[in-house]
Amino acid sequence: MVAVFGESGWEVEQQNADLFETIEKLAVLHEVGALPTEIVAIADTQEHLLVKQPFAHTIEVTGEARAKASSAVNSVLVASSSGLRGQLRVFWHEGKAWFLDDLHHKNIMEDADGNPSIIDALIGVVPDRMIEHIPELKQAIYDARIKVGDLSDKQSELNIFDDGEDILDDLP
């Protein structure tokens, strides 16, 4: 996923990933709590990966299952008033905000314990310039940081919008 600034403002677009971006995606998703993915083979051309999720079982993906799988990776839905795509979510990992999208029925399965889990998704780092321009995105990132314990108790009591001031800039 990539964020671009176009004629109608900021947009998030799908983009083909190369081999190394795909491996990074699989690693980041695993680190934040998605279902583990095993790389079985890499094509000689290095254009394709063969992967499997040995602990995944097919389930009927309902809104509740999607919400539980999204919660398992500590993601937060970006408010629809942001003007960004419908079910765009964000999560916080290793000091960065990441987009999370494409959680259709084939990208969510059940883990060995019977919990809905993400097996694949589109992700991408949220550009700082974009955060500065979309208050709803800034709020979702703030909420995602709280979910993973990146903010202290005192900081988490603050509202991101303090009389119009941007307090995120002052946070570590």
N, C-alpha and C. Protein backbone atom coordinates (compact mmCIF):
# COMPACT_ATOMS: atom_id res chain seq x y z
N MET A 1 0.84 -1.17 0.00
CA MET A 1 0.00 0.00 0.00
C MET A 1 0.89 1.23 0.00
N VAL A 2 0.42 2.23 -0.66
CA VAL A 2 1.17 3.47 -0.70
C VAL A 2 0.18 4.64 -0.60
N ALA A 3 0.58 5.68 0.10
CA ALA A 3 -0.23 6.88 0.22
C ALA A 3 0.26 7.90 -0.80
N VAL A 4 -0.67 8.49 -1.51
CA VAL A 4 -0.33 9.50 -2.52
C VAL A 4 -1.22 10.71 -2.32
N PHE A 5 -0.69 11.86 -2.69
CA PHE A 5 -1.47 13.09 -2.64
C PHE A 5 -1.85 13.43 -4.06
N GLY A 6 -3.16 13.38 -4.33
CA GLY A 6 -3.65 13.66 -5.68
C GLY A 6 -4.51 14.89 -5.73
N GLU A 7 -5.23 15.03 -6.83
CA GLU A 7 -6.08 16.20 -7.03
C GLU A 7 -7.15 16.34 -5.96
N SER A 8 -7.64 15.20 -5.46
CA SER A 8 -8.70 15.26 -4.45
C SER A 8 -8.18 15.07 -3.03
N GLY A 9 -6.88 15.22 -2.84
CA GLY A 9 -6.29 15.09 -1.51
C GLY A 9 -5.57 13.76 -1.34
N TRP A 10 -5.38 13.34 -0.10
CA TRP A 10 -4.66 12.11 0.20
C TRP A 10 -5.50 10.89 -0.13
N GLU A 11 -4.85 9.89 -0.70
CA GLU A 11 -5.48 8.62 -1.00
C GLU A 11 -4.52 7.50 -0.66
N VAL A 12 -5.07 6.33 -0.37
CA VAL A 12 -4.26 5.14 -0.14
C VAL A 12 -4.54 4.19 -1.29
N GLU A 13 -3.49 3.77 -1.97
CA GLU A 13 -3.66 2.92 -3.14
C GLU A 13 -2.95 1.59 -2.95
N GLN A 14 -3.50 0.58 -3.60
CA GLN A 14 -2.84 -0.71 -3.62
C GLN A 14 -1.70 -0.65 -4.62
N GLN A 15 -0.64 -1.36 -4.31
CA GLN A 15 0.53 -1.35 -5.18
C GLN A 15 1.17 -2.73 -5.10
N ASN A 16 1.63 -3.25 -6.23
CA ASN A 16 2.32 -4.53 -6.22
C ASN A 16 3.60 -4.42 -5.40
N ALA A 17 3.86 -5.45 -4.62
CA ALA A 17 5.06 -5.47 -3.79
C ALA A 17 6.12 -6.35 -4.43
N ASP A 18 7.38 -5.97 -4.23
CA ASP A 18 8.45 -6.85 -4.71
C ASP A 18 8.71 -7.91 -3.64
N LEU A 19 9.65 -8.79 -3.91
CA LEU A 19 9.94 -9.91 -3.02
C LEU A 19 10.27 -9.44 -1.61
N PHE A 20 11.16 -8.47 -1.50
CA PHE A 20 11.60 -8.03 -0.17
C PHE A 20 10.48 -7.31 0.59
N GLU A 21 9.65 -6.55 -0.11
CA GLU A 21 8.50 -5.91 0.54
C GLU A 21 7.50 -6.95 1.02
N THR A 22 7.34 -8.02 0.26
CA THR A 22 6.43 -9.09 0.66
C THR A 22 6.96 -9.82 1.89
N ILE A 23 8.25 -10.08 1.93
CA ILE A 23 8.83 -10.73 3.11
C ILE A 23 8.70 -9.82 4.33
N GLU A 24 8.93 -8.51 4.14
CA GLU A 24 8.75 -7.57 5.25
C GLU A 24 7.30 -7.59 5.73
N LYS A 25 6.35 -7.61 4.81
CA LYS A 25 4.93 -7.64 5.17
C LYS A 25 4.63 -8.88 6.01
N LEU A 26 5.09 -10.03 5.58
CA LEU A 26 4.84 -11.27 6.31
C LEU A 26 5.45 -11.20 7.71
N ALA A 27 6.65 -10.64 7.81
CA ALA A 27 7.32 -10.53 9.11
C ALA A 27 6.56 -9.57 10.03
N VAL A 28 6.18 -8.40 9.52
CA VAL A 28 5.47 -7.41 10.35
C VAL A 28 4.12 -7.98 10.80
N LEU A 29 3.38 -8.59 9.90
CA LEU A 29 2.09 -9.16 10.29
C LEU A 29 2.27 -10.22 11.37
N HIS A 30 3.27 -11.06 11.23
CA HIS A 30 3.55 -12.08 12.25
C HIS A 30 3.89 -11.42 13.59
N GLU A 31 4.75 -10.39 13.57
CA GLU A 31 5.19 -9.73 14.79
C GLU A 31 4.04 -9.06 15.54
N VAL A 32 3.03 -8.58 14.81
CA VAL A 32 1.92 -7.90 15.49
C VAL A 32 0.79 -8.84 15.88
N GLY A 33 0.89 -10.12 15.53
CA GLY A 33 -0.10 -11.07 16.01
C GLY A 33 -0.92 -11.78 14.96
N ALA A 34 -0.61 -11.58 13.68
CA ALA A 34 -1.31 -12.34 12.65
C ALA A 34 -0.82 -13.79 12.67
N LEU A 35 -1.52 -14.66 11.97
CA LEU A 35 -1.16 -16.07 11.94
C LEU A 35 0.21 -16.26 11.30
N PRO A 36 1.07 -17.08 11.89
CA PRO A 36 2.41 -17.30 11.32
C PRO A 36 2.34 -17.85 9.89
N THR A 37 3.22 -17.34 9.06
CA THR A 37 3.31 -17.77 7.67
C THR A 37 4.69 -18.38 7.45
N GLU A 38 4.71 -19.54 6.82
CA GLU A 38 5.98 -20.18 6.48
C GLU A 38 6.28 -19.96 5.02
N ILE A 39 7.50 -19.54 4.71
CA ILE A 39 7.94 -19.43 3.33
C ILE A 39 8.47 -20.81 2.93
N VAL A 40 7.82 -21.41 1.95
CA VAL A 40 8.17 -22.76 1.51
C VAL A 40 9.20 -22.71 0.39
N ALA A 41 9.05 -21.76 -0.53
CA ALA A 41 9.98 -21.67 -1.66
C ALA A 41 9.95 -20.26 -2.24
N ILE A 42 11.04 -19.92 -2.89
CA ILE A 42 11.15 -18.67 -3.64
C ILE A 42 11.50 -19.04 -5.06
N ALA A 43 10.76 -18.51 -6.03
CA ALA A 43 11.02 -18.81 -7.43
C ALA A 43 12.42 -18.35 -7.83
N ASP A 44 13.01 -19.05 -8.77
CA ASP A 44 14.34 -18.68 -9.25
C ASP A 44 14.41 -17.24 -9.71
N THR A 45 13.31 -16.74 -10.24
CA THR A 45 13.26 -15.36 -10.72
C THR A 45 13.12 -14.36 -9.58
N GLN A 46 12.89 -14.85 -8.38
CA GLN A 46 12.63 -14.05 -7.19
C GLN A 46 11.42 -13.14 -7.34
N GLU A 47 10.48 -13.56 -8.19
CA GLU A 47 9.25 -12.79 -8.38
C GLU A 47 8.07 -13.38 -7.61
N HIS A 48 8.20 -14.63 -7.13
CA HIS A 48 7.08 -15.28 -6.47
C HIS A 48 7.55 -16.05 -5.25
N LEU A 49 6.70 -16.05 -4.23
CA LEU A 49 6.91 -16.84 -3.02
C LEU A 49 5.84 -17.92 -2.96
N LEU A 50 6.20 -19.05 -2.42
CA LEU A 50 5.23 -20.07 -2.07
C LEU A 50 5.19 -20.10 -0.55
N VAL A 51 4.03 -19.80 0.00
CA VAL A 51 3.89 -19.73 1.46
C VAL A 51 2.74 -20.61 1.91
N LYS A 52 2.75 -20.92 3.21
CA LYS A 52 1.63 -21.65 3.79
C LYS A 52 1.43 -21.19 5.23
N GLN A 53 0.23 -21.39 5.69
CA GLN A 53 -0.12 -21.13 7.08
C GLN A 53 -0.60 -22.46 7.66
N PRO A 54 0.32 -23.23 8.24
CA PRO A 54 -0.04 -24.59 8.67
C PRO A 54 -1.07 -24.65 9.80
N PHE A 55 -1.27 -23.56 10.52
CA PHE A 55 -2.22 -23.57 11.63
C PHE A 55 -3.55 -22.94 11.26
N ALA A 56 -3.75 -22.62 9.98
CA ALA A 56 -4.97 -21.93 9.54
C ALA A 56 -6.04 -22.92 9.12
N HIS A 57 -7.27 -22.57 9.50
CA HIS A 57 -8.43 -23.36 9.11
C HIS A 57 -9.48 -22.40 8.57
N THR A 58 -10.13 -22.79 7.50
CA THR A 58 -11.14 -21.95 6.87
C THR A 58 -12.33 -21.74 7.81
N ILE A 59 -12.82 -20.51 7.84
CA ILE A 59 -14.02 -20.18 8.62
C ILE A 59 -14.92 -19.29 7.79
N GLU A 60 -16.14 -19.15 8.24
CA GLU A 60 -17.03 -18.17 7.64
C GLU A 60 -16.68 -16.82 8.27
N VAL A 61 -16.27 -15.89 7.44
CA VAL A 61 -15.83 -14.59 7.97
C VAL A 61 -17.03 -13.65 8.07
N THR A 62 -17.40 -13.38 9.29
CA THR A 62 -18.48 -12.45 9.59
C THR A 62 -17.86 -11.12 10.02
N GLY A 63 -18.69 -10.14 10.22
CA GLY A 63 -18.20 -8.87 10.75
C GLY A 63 -17.53 -9.04 12.10
N GLU A 64 -18.09 -9.92 12.93
CA GLU A 64 -17.52 -10.19 14.25
C GLU A 64 -16.14 -10.85 14.13
N ALA A 65 -16.01 -11.81 13.21
CA ALA A 65 -14.72 -12.48 13.01
C ALA A 65 -13.67 -11.49 12.52
N ARG A 66 -14.07 -10.61 11.60
CA ARG A 66 -13.14 -9.60 11.08
C ARG A 66 -12.70 -8.65 12.20
N ALA A 67 -13.65 -8.27 13.05
CA ALA A 67 -13.33 -7.38 14.17
C ALA A 67 -12.36 -8.05 15.15
N LYS A 68 -12.59 -9.33 15.46
CA LYS A 68 -11.70 -10.04 16.38
C LYS A 68 -10.30 -10.20 15.78
N ALA A 69 -10.22 -10.54 14.50
CA ALA A 69 -8.91 -10.68 13.85
C ALA A 69 -8.18 -9.34 13.82
N SER A 70 -8.91 -8.27 13.57
CA SER A 70 -8.31 -6.93 13.54
C SER A 70 -7.84 -6.52 14.93
N SER A 71 -8.61 -6.86 15.93
CA SER A 71 -8.25 -6.53 17.31
C SER A 71 -7.01 -7.31 17.75
N ALA A 72 -6.85 -8.52 17.25
CA ALA A 72 -5.70 -9.35 17.63
C ALA A 72 -4.37 -8.73 17.21
N VAL A 73 -4.38 -7.87 16.20
CA VAL A 73 -3.16 -7.18 15.78
C VAL A 73 -3.16 -5.73 16.27
N ASN A 74 -4.07 -5.43 17.18
CA ASN A 74 -4.16 -4.09 17.80
C ASN A 74 -4.38 -2.97 16.79
N SER A 75 -5.18 -3.27 15.77
CA SER A 75 -5.45 -2.22 14.79
C SER A 75 -6.67 -1.41 15.19
N VAL A 76 -6.76 -0.22 14.63
CA VAL A 76 -7.84 0.72 14.90
C VAL A 76 -8.41 1.18 13.57
N LEU A 77 -9.72 1.20 13.48
CA LEU A 77 -10.40 1.66 12.28
C LEU A 77 -10.27 3.18 12.16
N VAL A 78 -9.89 3.65 10.97
CA VAL A 78 -9.82 5.10 10.73
C VAL A 78 -11.25 5.58 10.45
N ALA A 79 -11.66 6.63 11.12
CA ALA A 79 -13.03 7.14 10.97
C ALA A 79 -13.35 7.41 9.50
N SER A 80 -14.55 7.05 9.11
CA SER A 80 -14.96 7.21 7.71
C SER A 80 -14.99 8.67 7.27
N SER A 81 -15.12 9.58 8.23
CA SER A 81 -15.15 11.00 7.89
C SER A 81 -13.79 11.50 7.38
N SER A 82 -12.77 10.64 7.47
CA SER A 82 -11.44 11.04 7.01
C SER A 82 -11.37 11.20 5.50
N GLY A 83 -12.33 10.60 4.78
CA GLY A 83 -12.31 10.64 3.32
C GLY A 83 -11.46 9.53 2.73
N LEU A 84 -10.84 8.71 3.57
CA LEU A 84 -10.03 7.60 3.08
C LEU A 84 -10.91 6.38 2.83
N ARG A 85 -10.38 5.38 2.20
CA ARG A 85 -11.15 4.18 1.83
C ARG A 85 -11.87 3.58 3.03
N GLY A 86 -12.96 2.88 2.76
CA GLY A 86 -13.92 2.39 3.73
C GLY A 86 -13.44 1.75 5.02
N GLN A 87 -12.79 0.60 4.96
CA GLN A 87 -12.43 -0.14 6.17
C GLN A 87 -10.93 -0.04 6.47
N LEU A 88 -10.32 1.07 6.17
CA LEU A 88 -8.90 1.26 6.40
C LEU A 88 -8.62 1.29 7.90
N ARG A 89 -7.63 0.53 8.31
CA ARG A 89 -7.24 0.45 9.71
C ARG A 89 -5.78 0.85 9.83
N VAL A 90 -5.35 1.15 11.05
CA VAL A 90 -3.94 1.42 11.32
C VAL A 90 -3.51 0.64 12.55
N PHE A 91 -2.22 0.32 12.62
CA PHE A 91 -1.65 -0.26 13.83
C PHE A 91 -0.28 0.36 14.05
N TRP A 92 0.24 0.24 15.26
CA TRP A 92 1.52 0.81 15.65
C TRP A 92 2.51 -0.31 15.87
N HIS A 93 3.67 -0.23 15.22
CA HIS A 93 4.67 -1.29 15.36
C HIS A 93 6.07 -0.70 15.17
N GLU A 94 6.93 -0.96 16.13
CA GLU A 94 8.32 -0.52 16.10
C GLU A 94 8.47 0.96 15.77
N GLY A 95 7.67 1.77 16.45
CA GLY A 95 7.79 3.22 16.33
C GLY A 95 7.19 3.82 15.08
N LYS A 96 6.39 3.03 14.35
CA LYS A 96 5.79 3.54 13.12
C LYS A 96 4.31 3.17 13.05
N ALA A 97 3.56 4.04 12.39
CA ALA A 97 2.16 3.74 12.09
C ALA A 97 2.11 3.02 10.75
N TRP A 98 1.28 1.99 10.70
CA TRP A 98 1.12 1.18 9.49
C TRP A 98 -0.35 1.13 9.10
N PHE A 99 -0.62 1.17 7.79
CA PHE A 99 -1.96 0.93 7.28
C PHE A 99 -2.21 -0.58 7.30
N LEU A 100 -3.48 -0.95 7.44
CA LEU A 100 -3.92 -2.34 7.33
C LEU A 100 -5.21 -2.33 6.53
N ASP A 101 -5.26 -3.13 5.48
CA ASP A 101 -6.44 -3.14 4.62
C ASP A 101 -6.57 -4.51 3.94
N ASP A 102 -7.60 -4.68 3.19
CA ASP A 102 -7.85 -5.88 2.37
C ASP A 102 -8.17 -7.10 3.23
N LEU A 103 -9.00 -6.90 4.24
CA LEU A 103 -9.35 -8.01 5.13
C LEU A 103 -10.62 -8.71 4.63
N HIS A 104 -10.54 -9.25 3.42
CA HIS A 104 -11.67 -9.98 2.85
C HIS A 104 -11.68 -11.42 3.38
N HIS A 105 -12.69 -12.19 3.00
CA HIS A 105 -12.91 -13.52 3.59
C HIS A 105 -11.76 -14.50 3.38
N LYS A 106 -10.95 -14.33 2.37
CA LYS A 106 -9.83 -15.25 2.15
C LYS A 106 -8.59 -14.86 2.95
N ASN A 107 -8.59 -13.67 3.54
CA ASN A 107 -7.43 -13.21 4.30
C ASN A 107 -7.60 -13.37 5.80
N ILE A 108 -8.72 -13.96 6.21
CA ILE A 108 -8.95 -14.23 7.63
C ILE A 108 -9.32 -15.69 7.77
N MET A 109 -8.62 -16.38 8.65
CA MET A 109 -8.89 -17.79 8.92
C MET A 109 -8.86 -18.00 10.43
N GLU A 110 -9.15 -19.21 10.82
CA GLU A 110 -9.15 -19.56 12.23
C GLU A 110 -7.80 -20.17 12.61
N ASP A 111 -7.27 -19.78 13.77
CA ASP A 111 -6.01 -20.37 14.23
C ASP A 111 -6.29 -21.69 14.95
N ALA A 112 -5.24 -22.33 15.45
CA ALA A 112 -5.37 -23.64 16.10
C ALA A 112 -6.26 -23.59 17.34
N ASP A 113 -6.41 -22.40 17.95
CA ASP A 113 -7.25 -22.26 19.14
C ASP A 113 -8.68 -21.84 18.81
N GLY A 114 -8.99 -21.74 17.52
CA GLY A 114 -10.34 -21.36 17.11
C GLY A 114 -10.60 -19.88 17.03
N ASN A 115 -9.55 -19.06 17.10
CA ASN A 115 -9.70 -17.61 17.04
C ASN A 115 -9.53 -17.10 15.61
N PRO A 116 -10.38 -16.17 15.18
CA PRO A 116 -10.17 -15.57 13.86
C PRO A 116 -8.83 -14.85 13.83
N SER A 117 -8.09 -15.03 12.75
CA SER A 117 -6.75 -14.45 12.65
C SER A 117 -6.48 -14.02 11.22
N ILE A 118 -5.73 -12.94 11.09
CA ILE A 118 -5.34 -12.46 9.77
C ILE A 118 -4.24 -13.37 9.23
N ILE A 119 -4.39 -13.82 7.98
CA ILE A 119 -3.32 -14.60 7.35
C ILE A 119 -2.61 -13.80 6.27
N ASP A 120 -3.28 -12.79 5.76
CA ASP A 120 -2.70 -11.94 4.72
C ASP A 120 -3.47 -10.62 4.75
N ALA A 121 -2.81 -9.57 4.34
CA ALA A 121 -3.44 -8.25 4.27
C ALA A 121 -2.52 -7.33 3.50
N LEU A 122 -3.03 -6.19 3.15
CA LEU A 122 -2.19 -5.14 2.58
C LEU A 122 -1.76 -4.24 3.72
N ILE A 123 -0.47 -3.95 3.79
CA ILE A 123 0.04 -3.03 4.80
C ILE A 123 0.99 -2.03 4.14
N GLY A 124 1.24 -0.95 4.83
CA GLY A 124 2.19 0.05 4.37
C GLY A 124 2.40 1.09 5.45
N VAL A 125 3.58 1.65 5.48
CA VAL A 125 3.89 2.67 6.48
C VAL A 125 3.11 3.95 6.15
N VAL A 126 2.53 4.55 7.18
CA VAL A 126 1.78 5.80 7.02
C VAL A 126 2.78 6.95 6.96
N PRO A 127 2.78 7.74 5.89
CA PRO A 127 3.71 8.87 5.81
C PRO A 127 3.36 9.97 6.82
N ASP A 128 4.39 10.54 7.44
CA ASP A 128 4.19 11.62 8.41
C ASP A 128 3.40 12.78 7.81
N ARG A 129 3.69 13.12 6.56
CA ARG A 129 2.99 14.25 5.93
C ARG A 129 1.48 14.02 5.87
N MET A 130 1.10 12.77 5.70
CA MET A 130 -0.32 12.45 5.63
C MET A 130 -0.98 12.62 6.99
N ILE A 131 -0.29 12.19 8.04
CA ILE A 131 -0.82 12.27 9.41
C ILE A 131 -1.12 13.72 9.77
N GLU A 132 -0.25 14.63 9.33
CA GLU A 132 -0.40 16.04 9.63
C GLU A 132 -1.68 16.63 9.05
N HIS A 133 -2.19 16.04 7.96
CA HIS A 133 -3.32 16.63 7.24
C HIS A 133 -4.66 15.98 7.50
N ILE A 134 -4.70 14.84 8.17
CA ILE A 134 -5.97 14.13 8.36
C ILE A 134 -6.16 13.85 9.85
N PRO A 135 -6.96 14.68 10.53
CA PRO A 135 -7.14 14.52 11.97
C PRO A 135 -7.67 13.13 12.38
N GLU A 136 -8.57 12.55 11.58
CA GLU A 136 -9.11 11.23 11.92
C GLU A 136 -8.03 10.15 11.87
N LEU A 137 -7.10 10.28 10.96
CA LEU A 137 -5.98 9.35 10.87
C LEU A 137 -5.07 9.53 12.07
N LYS A 138 -4.80 10.77 12.43
CA LYS A 138 -3.97 11.07 13.60
C LYS A 138 -4.59 10.48 14.86
N GLN A 139 -5.91 10.61 15.00
CA GLN A 139 -6.61 10.07 16.16
C GLN A 139 -6.52 8.54 16.19
N ALA A 140 -6.70 7.89 15.05
CA ALA A 140 -6.62 6.42 14.98
C ALA A 140 -5.22 5.94 15.36
N ILE A 141 -4.20 6.64 14.91
CA ILE A 141 -2.82 6.27 15.25
C ILE A 141 -2.59 6.45 16.75
N TYR A 142 -3.08 7.53 17.30
CA TYR A 142 -2.99 7.77 18.74
C TYR A 142 -3.64 6.62 19.50
N ASP A 143 -4.84 6.22 19.07
CA ASP A 143 -5.54 5.12 19.72
C ASP A 143 -4.78 3.80 19.57
N ALA A 144 -4.16 3.58 18.42
CA ALA A 144 -3.37 2.37 18.20
C ALA A 144 -2.15 2.34 19.12
N ARG A 145 -1.54 3.51 19.33
CA ARG A 145 -0.39 3.58 20.25
C ARG A 145 -0.82 3.25 21.68
N ILE A 146 -1.98 3.70 22.08
CA ILE A 146 -2.50 3.37 23.40
C ILE A 146 -2.71 1.86 23.51
N LYS A 147 -3.28 1.24 22.47
CA LYS A 147 -3.57 -0.20 22.49
C LYS A 147 -2.33 -1.04 22.73
N VAL A 148 -1.18 -0.62 22.19
CA VAL A 148 0.04 -1.42 22.35
C VAL A 148 0.89 -0.95 23.52
N GLY A 149 0.38 0.03 24.28
CA GLY A 149 1.11 0.50 25.46
C GLY A 149 2.29 1.39 25.14
N ASP A 150 2.25 2.04 23.98
CA ASP A 150 3.35 2.92 23.58
C ASP A 150 3.29 4.27 24.29
N LEU A 151 2.14 4.61 24.85
CA LEU A 151 1.98 5.87 25.56
C LEU A 151 1.84 5.58 27.04
N SER A 152 2.38 6.46 27.88
CA SER A 152 2.25 6.28 29.33
C SER A 152 0.81 6.53 29.74
N ASP A 153 0.48 6.15 30.97
CA ASP A 153 -0.87 6.37 31.47
C ASP A 153 -1.25 7.84 31.40
N LYS A 154 -0.32 8.72 31.78
CA LYS A 154 -0.61 10.15 31.75
C LYS A 154 -0.87 10.61 30.32
N GLN A 155 -0.03 10.16 29.38
CA GLN A 155 -0.22 10.55 28.00
C GLN A 155 -1.52 10.01 27.44
N SER A 156 -1.90 8.79 27.82
CA SER A 156 -3.11 8.19 27.27
C SER A 156 -4.37 8.88 27.77
N GLU A 157 -4.27 9.64 28.85
CA GLU A 157 -5.42 10.39 29.34
C GLU A 157 -5.66 11.66 28.53
N LEU A 158 -4.66 12.09 27.79
CA LEU A 158 -4.78 13.31 27.00
C LEU A 158 -5.60 13.04 25.75
N ASN A 159 -6.29 14.04 25.28
CA ASN A 159 -6.99 13.94 24.01
C ASN A 159 -6.04 14.47 22.94
N ILE A 160 -6.04 13.81 21.80
CA ILE A 160 -5.14 14.22 20.72
C ILE A 160 -5.42 15.65 20.27
N PHE A 161 -6.66 16.09 20.41
CA PHE A 161 -7.02 17.44 20.01
C PHE A 161 -7.22 18.27 21.28
N ASP A 162 -6.23 19.03 21.66
CA ASP A 162 -6.27 19.82 22.87
C ASP A 162 -6.35 21.29 22.46
N ASP A 163 -7.58 21.77 22.34
CA ASP A 163 -7.81 23.15 21.90
C ASP A 163 -7.12 23.44 20.57
N GLY A 164 -7.15 22.45 19.68
CA GLY A 164 -6.57 22.64 18.37
C GLY A 164 -5.08 22.40 18.31
N GLU A 165 -4.45 22.16 19.43
CA GLU A 165 -3.01 21.91 19.45
C GLU A 165 -2.73 20.46 19.11
N ASP A 166 -1.65 20.20 18.43
CA ASP A 166 -1.26 18.85 18.07
C ASP A 166 -0.31 18.31 19.13
N ILE A 167 -0.81 17.51 20.05
CA ILE A 167 0.04 17.01 21.13
C ILE A 167 0.89 15.83 20.69
N LEU A 168 0.57 15.20 19.56
CA LEU A 168 1.39 14.06 19.11
C LEU A 168 2.83 14.49 18.86
N ASP A 169 3.02 15.70 18.40
CA ASP A 169 4.37 16.19 18.13
C ASP A 169 5.22 16.25 19.40
N ASP A 170 4.56 16.39 20.54
CA ASP A 170 5.28 16.52 21.80
C ASP A 170 5.51 15.18 22.49
N LEU A 171 4.93 14.10 21.95
CA LEU A 171 5.06 12.80 22.58
C LEU A 171 6.32 12.08 22.09
N PRO A 172 6.90 11.24 22.95
CA PRO A 172 8.11 10.50 22.53
C PRO A 172 7.80 9.48 21.47
